[in-house]
């Protein structure tokens, strides 16, 4: 049985004729704050933070919204300089890795050619 998005049903699931409810995880307020800071201050995407912490990206998104409302996180749009720098460095690392791969392939090609 799947929902209209084809993802599957979240909630009661029938196993061998018995309906079983999915267990809801509870996270401490400190964990929520640290997860939200990964996104807001460190420049992680919601998905990256969720994969790293074992939570869902939707949950982290909700925590960020709630923590911004109660003032524990800066309002949206007031990005921290560290987050901007982190994003720039991640972009630079991706570019350098791509260039490195190209150079490896070129070196292998010319090594074959010289033999």
N, C-alpha and C. Protein backbone atom coordinates (compact mmCIF):
# COMPACT_ATOMS: atom_id res chain seq x y z
N UNK A 1 0.84 -1.17 0.00
CA UNK A 1 0.00 0.00 0.00
C UNK A 1 0.89 1.24 0.00
N UNK A 2 0.73 2.14 -0.94
CA UNK A 2 1.55 3.35 -1.00
C UNK A 2 0.66 4.57 -1.08
N UNK A 3 1.26 5.72 -0.76
CA UNK A 3 0.51 6.95 -0.88
C UNK A 3 0.58 7.45 -2.31
N UNK A 4 -0.01 8.60 -2.58
CA UNK A 4 -0.08 9.11 -3.95
C UNK A 4 1.28 9.52 -4.49
N UNK A 5 2.26 9.75 -3.62
CA UNK A 5 3.60 10.13 -4.07
C UNK A 5 4.46 8.91 -4.35
N UNK A 6 3.99 7.72 -3.99
CA UNK A 6 4.76 6.52 -4.23
C UNK A 6 5.86 6.29 -3.23
N UNK A 7 5.83 6.99 -2.12
CA UNK A 7 6.89 6.90 -1.14
C UNK A 7 6.61 5.80 -0.13
N UNK A 8 5.39 5.57 0.17
CA UNK A 8 5.01 4.61 1.19
C UNK A 8 4.21 5.30 2.26
N UNK A 9 3.58 4.52 3.07
CA UNK A 9 2.71 5.09 4.09
C UNK A 9 3.50 5.29 5.36
N UNK A 10 3.36 6.47 5.92
CA UNK A 10 3.95 6.74 7.22
C UNK A 10 2.79 6.70 8.20
N UNK A 11 2.91 5.87 9.16
CA UNK A 11 1.80 5.70 10.11
C UNK A 11 1.53 4.22 10.23
N UNK A 12 0.26 3.84 10.39
CA UNK A 12 -0.02 2.42 10.58
C UNK A 12 0.32 1.61 9.34
N UNK A 13 1.01 0.53 9.53
CA UNK A 13 1.40 -0.37 8.46
C UNK A 13 0.91 -1.77 8.81
N UNK A 14 0.38 -2.47 7.85
CA UNK A 14 -0.14 -3.80 8.11
C UNK A 14 0.96 -4.83 7.91
N UNK A 15 1.25 -5.57 8.96
CA UNK A 15 2.23 -6.65 8.90
C UNK A 15 1.54 -7.90 9.41
N UNK A 16 1.42 -8.91 8.54
CA UNK A 16 0.76 -10.16 8.88
C UNK A 16 -0.62 -9.95 9.48
N UNK A 17 -1.37 -9.02 8.93
CA UNK A 17 -2.73 -8.78 9.38
C UNK A 17 -2.84 -7.92 10.61
N UNK A 18 -1.72 -7.43 11.15
CA UNK A 18 -1.74 -6.60 12.35
C UNK A 18 -1.20 -5.23 11.98
N UNK A 19 -1.90 -4.18 12.41
CA UNK A 19 -1.43 -2.83 12.14
C UNK A 19 -0.40 -2.42 13.18
N UNK A 20 0.74 -1.91 12.69
CA UNK A 20 1.84 -1.51 13.56
C UNK A 20 2.10 -0.03 13.30
N UNK A 21 2.21 0.75 14.36
CA UNK A 21 2.50 2.18 14.22
C UNK A 21 4.02 2.39 14.19
N UNK A 22 4.44 3.33 13.35
CA UNK A 22 5.86 3.69 13.31
C UNK A 22 6.21 4.39 14.61
N UNK A 23 7.38 4.10 15.15
CA UNK A 23 7.81 4.68 16.41
C UNK A 23 8.31 6.10 16.18
N UNK A 24 7.82 7.04 16.94
CA UNK A 24 8.22 8.43 16.82
C UNK A 24 9.49 8.67 17.63
N UNK A 25 10.49 9.26 17.01
CA UNK A 25 11.74 9.55 17.71
C UNK A 25 11.60 10.87 18.45
N UNK A 26 12.22 10.93 19.60
CA UNK A 26 12.26 12.15 20.39
C UNK A 26 13.70 12.64 20.46
N UNK A 27 13.90 13.92 20.22
CA UNK A 27 15.23 14.51 20.26
C UNK A 27 15.26 15.58 21.34
N UNK A 28 16.40 15.71 22.00
CA UNK A 28 16.54 16.74 23.04
C UNK A 28 16.60 18.12 22.39
N UNK A 29 16.31 19.13 23.20
CA UNK A 29 16.37 20.51 22.69
C UNK A 29 17.79 20.87 22.28
N UNK A 30 18.77 20.36 23.00
CA UNK A 30 20.17 20.63 22.66
C UNK A 30 20.52 20.02 21.29
N UNK A 31 20.04 18.79 21.03
CA UNK A 31 20.29 18.14 19.74
C UNK A 31 19.65 18.95 18.61
N UNK A 32 18.42 19.41 18.83
CA UNK A 32 17.72 20.20 17.81
C UNK A 32 18.47 21.49 17.51
N UNK A 33 18.96 22.14 18.58
CA UNK A 33 19.70 23.40 18.39
C UNK A 33 20.99 23.16 17.62
N UNK A 34 21.72 22.10 17.95
CA UNK A 34 22.97 21.79 17.24
C UNK A 34 22.70 21.44 15.78
N UNK A 35 21.63 20.68 15.53
CA UNK A 35 21.27 20.34 14.16
C UNK A 35 20.92 21.59 13.36
N UNK A 36 20.17 22.48 13.96
CA UNK A 36 19.79 23.72 13.29
C UNK A 36 21.01 24.60 13.03
N UNK A 37 21.96 24.61 13.97
CA UNK A 37 23.17 25.41 13.78
C UNK A 37 24.03 24.87 12.65
N UNK A 38 23.99 23.55 12.43
CA UNK A 38 24.72 23.00 11.27
C UNK A 38 24.23 23.64 9.98
N UNK A 39 22.92 23.84 9.89
CA UNK A 39 22.33 24.41 8.68
C UNK A 39 22.57 25.91 8.62
N UNK A 40 22.26 26.60 9.71
CA UNK A 40 22.29 28.07 9.69
C UNK A 40 23.71 28.62 9.74
N UNK A 41 24.55 28.08 10.61
CA UNK A 41 25.88 28.66 10.81
C UNK A 41 26.97 27.98 10.00
N UNK A 42 26.84 26.68 9.78
CA UNK A 42 27.91 25.96 9.09
C UNK A 42 27.67 25.77 7.61
N UNK A 43 26.49 26.11 7.13
CA UNK A 43 26.24 26.07 5.70
C UNK A 43 25.84 24.71 5.15
N UNK A 44 25.53 23.76 6.02
CA UNK A 44 25.05 22.46 5.53
C UNK A 44 23.67 22.63 4.94
N UNK A 45 23.33 21.80 3.96
CA UNK A 45 21.96 21.76 3.49
C UNK A 45 21.15 20.94 4.49
N UNK A 46 19.83 21.05 4.42
CA UNK A 46 18.99 20.27 5.32
C UNK A 46 19.25 18.77 5.12
N UNK A 47 19.41 18.37 3.88
CA UNK A 47 19.62 16.96 3.57
C UNK A 47 20.96 16.47 4.12
N UNK A 48 22.02 17.27 3.94
CA UNK A 48 23.34 16.88 4.46
C UNK A 48 23.32 16.74 5.98
N UNK A 49 22.70 17.70 6.64
CA UNK A 49 22.62 17.65 8.10
C UNK A 49 21.81 16.43 8.55
N UNK A 50 20.72 16.16 7.85
CA UNK A 50 19.87 15.02 8.21
C UNK A 50 20.62 13.70 8.05
N UNK A 51 21.34 13.55 6.95
CA UNK A 51 22.11 12.32 6.73
C UNK A 51 23.20 12.17 7.77
N UNK A 52 23.82 13.26 8.13
CA UNK A 52 24.90 13.22 9.11
C UNK A 52 24.40 12.87 10.51
N UNK A 53 23.20 13.35 10.85
CA UNK A 53 22.69 13.19 12.21
C UNK A 53 21.67 12.07 12.37
N UNK A 54 21.15 11.55 11.27
CA UNK A 54 20.17 10.47 11.38
C UNK A 54 18.76 10.95 11.64
N UNK A 55 18.49 12.21 11.36
CA UNK A 55 17.14 12.75 11.48
C UNK A 55 16.62 12.99 10.06
N UNK A 56 15.39 13.46 9.95
CA UNK A 56 14.87 13.76 8.62
C UNK A 56 15.12 15.23 8.30
N UNK A 57 15.23 15.53 7.02
CA UNK A 57 15.46 16.92 6.63
C UNK A 57 14.24 17.78 6.99
N UNK A 58 13.05 17.19 6.93
CA UNK A 58 11.84 17.93 7.28
C UNK A 58 11.88 18.33 8.75
N UNK A 59 12.32 17.41 9.62
CA UNK A 59 12.40 17.72 11.05
C UNK A 59 13.37 18.86 11.31
N UNK A 60 14.53 18.80 10.68
CA UNK A 60 15.53 19.85 10.88
C UNK A 60 15.00 21.19 10.38
N UNK A 61 14.30 21.17 9.26
CA UNK A 61 13.71 22.40 8.73
C UNK A 61 12.72 23.00 9.75
N UNK A 62 11.90 22.15 10.36
CA UNK A 62 10.93 22.61 11.36
C UNK A 62 11.64 23.16 12.61
N UNK A 63 12.73 22.52 13.00
CA UNK A 63 13.48 22.99 14.17
C UNK A 63 14.07 24.37 13.90
N UNK A 64 14.59 24.57 12.69
CA UNK A 64 15.17 25.87 12.34
C UNK A 64 14.10 26.95 12.43
N UNK A 65 12.93 26.68 11.88
CA UNK A 65 11.83 27.66 11.91
C UNK A 65 11.45 27.96 13.35
N UNK A 66 11.29 26.93 14.18
CA UNK A 66 10.89 27.13 15.57
C UNK A 66 11.96 27.88 16.36
N UNK A 67 13.22 27.54 16.15
CA UNK A 67 14.30 28.20 16.89
C UNK A 67 14.49 29.65 16.44
N UNK A 68 14.18 29.94 15.19
CA UNK A 68 14.23 31.33 14.73
C UNK A 68 13.10 32.13 15.37
N UNK A 69 11.92 31.51 15.50
CA UNK A 69 10.78 32.20 16.10
C UNK A 69 11.06 32.57 17.56
N UNK A 70 11.69 31.65 18.31
CA UNK A 70 11.91 31.95 19.73
C UNK A 70 13.24 32.67 19.99
N UNK A 71 13.96 33.04 18.93
CA UNK A 71 15.13 33.88 19.07
C UNK A 71 16.44 33.16 19.36
N UNK A 72 16.44 31.84 19.32
CA UNK A 72 17.69 31.12 19.58
C UNK A 72 18.60 31.07 18.35
N UNK A 73 18.05 31.36 17.18
CA UNK A 73 18.83 31.45 15.95
C UNK A 73 18.57 32.80 15.30
N UNK A 74 19.55 33.31 14.55
CA UNK A 74 19.33 34.60 13.88
C UNK A 74 18.25 34.48 12.82
N UNK A 75 17.54 35.59 12.54
CA UNK A 75 16.49 35.56 11.53
C UNK A 75 17.04 35.21 10.15
N UNK A 76 16.15 34.71 9.31
CA UNK A 76 16.54 34.34 7.96
C UNK A 76 17.04 35.57 7.22
N UNK A 77 18.09 35.39 6.45
CA UNK A 77 18.64 36.50 5.67
C UNK A 77 19.84 37.15 6.33
N UNK A 78 20.00 36.95 7.64
CA UNK A 78 21.18 37.51 8.30
C UNK A 78 22.23 36.41 8.40
N UNK A 79 22.73 36.01 7.23
CA UNK A 79 23.69 34.91 7.15
C UNK A 79 24.98 35.27 7.88
N UNK A 80 25.55 34.29 8.50
CA UNK A 80 26.79 34.49 9.22
C UNK A 80 27.96 34.42 8.23
N UNK A 81 29.01 35.19 8.47
CA UNK A 81 30.16 35.17 7.56
C UNK A 81 30.79 33.77 7.44
N UNK A 82 30.79 33.01 8.54
CA UNK A 82 31.38 31.66 8.49
C UNK A 82 30.61 30.77 7.52
N UNK A 83 29.29 30.90 7.51
CA UNK A 83 28.47 30.08 6.63
C UNK A 83 28.76 30.42 5.16
N UNK A 84 28.90 31.71 4.88
CA UNK A 84 29.21 32.12 3.51
C UNK A 84 30.58 31.59 3.09
N UNK A 85 31.53 31.70 4.00
CA UNK A 85 32.88 31.21 3.70
C UNK A 85 32.87 29.69 3.52
N UNK A 86 32.12 29.00 4.36
CA UNK A 86 32.02 27.54 4.27
C UNK A 86 31.44 27.12 2.92
N UNK A 87 30.38 27.79 2.48
CA UNK A 87 29.78 27.48 1.18
C UNK A 87 30.77 27.72 0.04
N UNK A 88 31.49 28.82 0.13
CA UNK A 88 32.49 29.15 -0.89
C UNK A 88 33.59 28.10 -0.93
N UNK A 89 34.05 27.67 0.24
CA UNK A 89 35.11 26.66 0.30
C UNK A 89 34.63 25.31 -0.22
N UNK A 90 33.38 24.94 0.08
CA UNK A 90 32.82 23.69 -0.45
C UNK A 90 32.77 23.73 -1.97
N UNK A 91 32.37 24.87 -2.52
CA UNK A 91 32.31 25.04 -3.97
C UNK A 91 33.71 24.93 -4.57
N UNK A 92 34.68 25.54 -3.92
CA UNK A 92 36.07 25.50 -4.39
C UNK A 92 36.62 24.07 -4.35
N UNK A 93 36.30 23.33 -3.29
CA UNK A 93 36.75 21.94 -3.18
C UNK A 93 36.17 21.10 -4.31
N UNK A 94 34.88 21.27 -4.61
CA UNK A 94 34.26 20.53 -5.73
C UNK A 94 34.98 20.83 -7.04
N UNK A 95 35.28 22.12 -7.27
CA UNK A 95 35.95 22.53 -8.50
C UNK A 95 37.36 21.93 -8.57
N UNK A 96 38.08 21.97 -7.47
CA UNK A 96 39.44 21.42 -7.45
C UNK A 96 39.45 19.91 -7.65
N UNK A 97 38.47 19.22 -7.08
CA UNK A 97 38.37 17.77 -7.29
C UNK A 97 38.10 17.44 -8.75
N UNK A 98 37.24 18.23 -9.38
CA UNK A 98 36.95 18.03 -10.81
C UNK A 98 38.21 18.26 -11.64
N UNK A 99 38.92 19.33 -11.35
CA UNK A 99 40.16 19.62 -12.08
C UNK A 99 41.21 18.52 -11.86
N UNK A 100 41.27 18.01 -10.63
CA UNK A 100 42.20 16.94 -10.31
C UNK A 100 41.89 15.68 -11.12
N UNK A 101 40.62 15.34 -11.24
CA UNK A 101 40.22 14.17 -12.03
C UNK A 101 40.62 14.34 -13.49
N UNK A 102 40.42 15.54 -14.02
CA UNK A 102 40.79 15.81 -15.41
C UNK A 102 42.29 15.65 -15.60
N UNK A 103 43.07 16.17 -14.66
CA UNK A 103 44.53 16.05 -14.75
C UNK A 103 44.99 14.60 -14.64
N UNK A 104 44.34 13.81 -13.79
CA UNK A 104 44.69 12.39 -13.67
C UNK A 104 44.45 11.67 -14.99
N UNK A 105 43.31 11.96 -15.62
CA UNK A 105 42.99 11.32 -16.90
C UNK A 105 43.97 11.74 -17.98
N UNK A 106 44.33 13.01 -17.98
CA UNK A 106 45.29 13.50 -18.97
C UNK A 106 46.65 12.85 -18.76
N UNK A 107 47.08 12.73 -17.52
CA UNK A 107 48.38 12.10 -17.23
C UNK A 107 48.37 10.64 -17.66
N UNK A 108 47.28 9.94 -17.41
CA UNK A 108 47.18 8.54 -17.82
C UNK A 108 47.21 8.42 -19.34
N UNK A 109 46.54 9.33 -20.02
CA UNK A 109 46.51 9.31 -21.48
C UNK A 109 47.92 9.52 -22.05
N UNK A 110 48.64 10.52 -21.52
CA UNK A 110 49.97 10.79 -22.04
C UNK A 110 50.97 9.71 -21.63
N UNK A 111 50.76 9.06 -20.52
CA UNK A 111 51.63 7.96 -20.11
C UNK A 111 51.46 6.79 -21.05
N UNK A 112 50.24 6.51 -21.46
CA UNK A 112 49.97 5.42 -22.43
C UNK A 112 50.61 5.75 -23.77
N UNK A 113 50.45 7.00 -24.17
CA UNK A 113 50.93 7.44 -25.48
C UNK A 113 52.46 7.35 -25.58
N UNK A 114 53.16 7.60 -24.48
CA UNK A 114 54.62 7.60 -24.52
C UNK A 114 55.21 6.19 -24.50
N UNK A 115 54.40 5.20 -24.21
CA UNK A 115 54.91 3.83 -24.15
C UNK A 115 54.94 3.21 -25.48
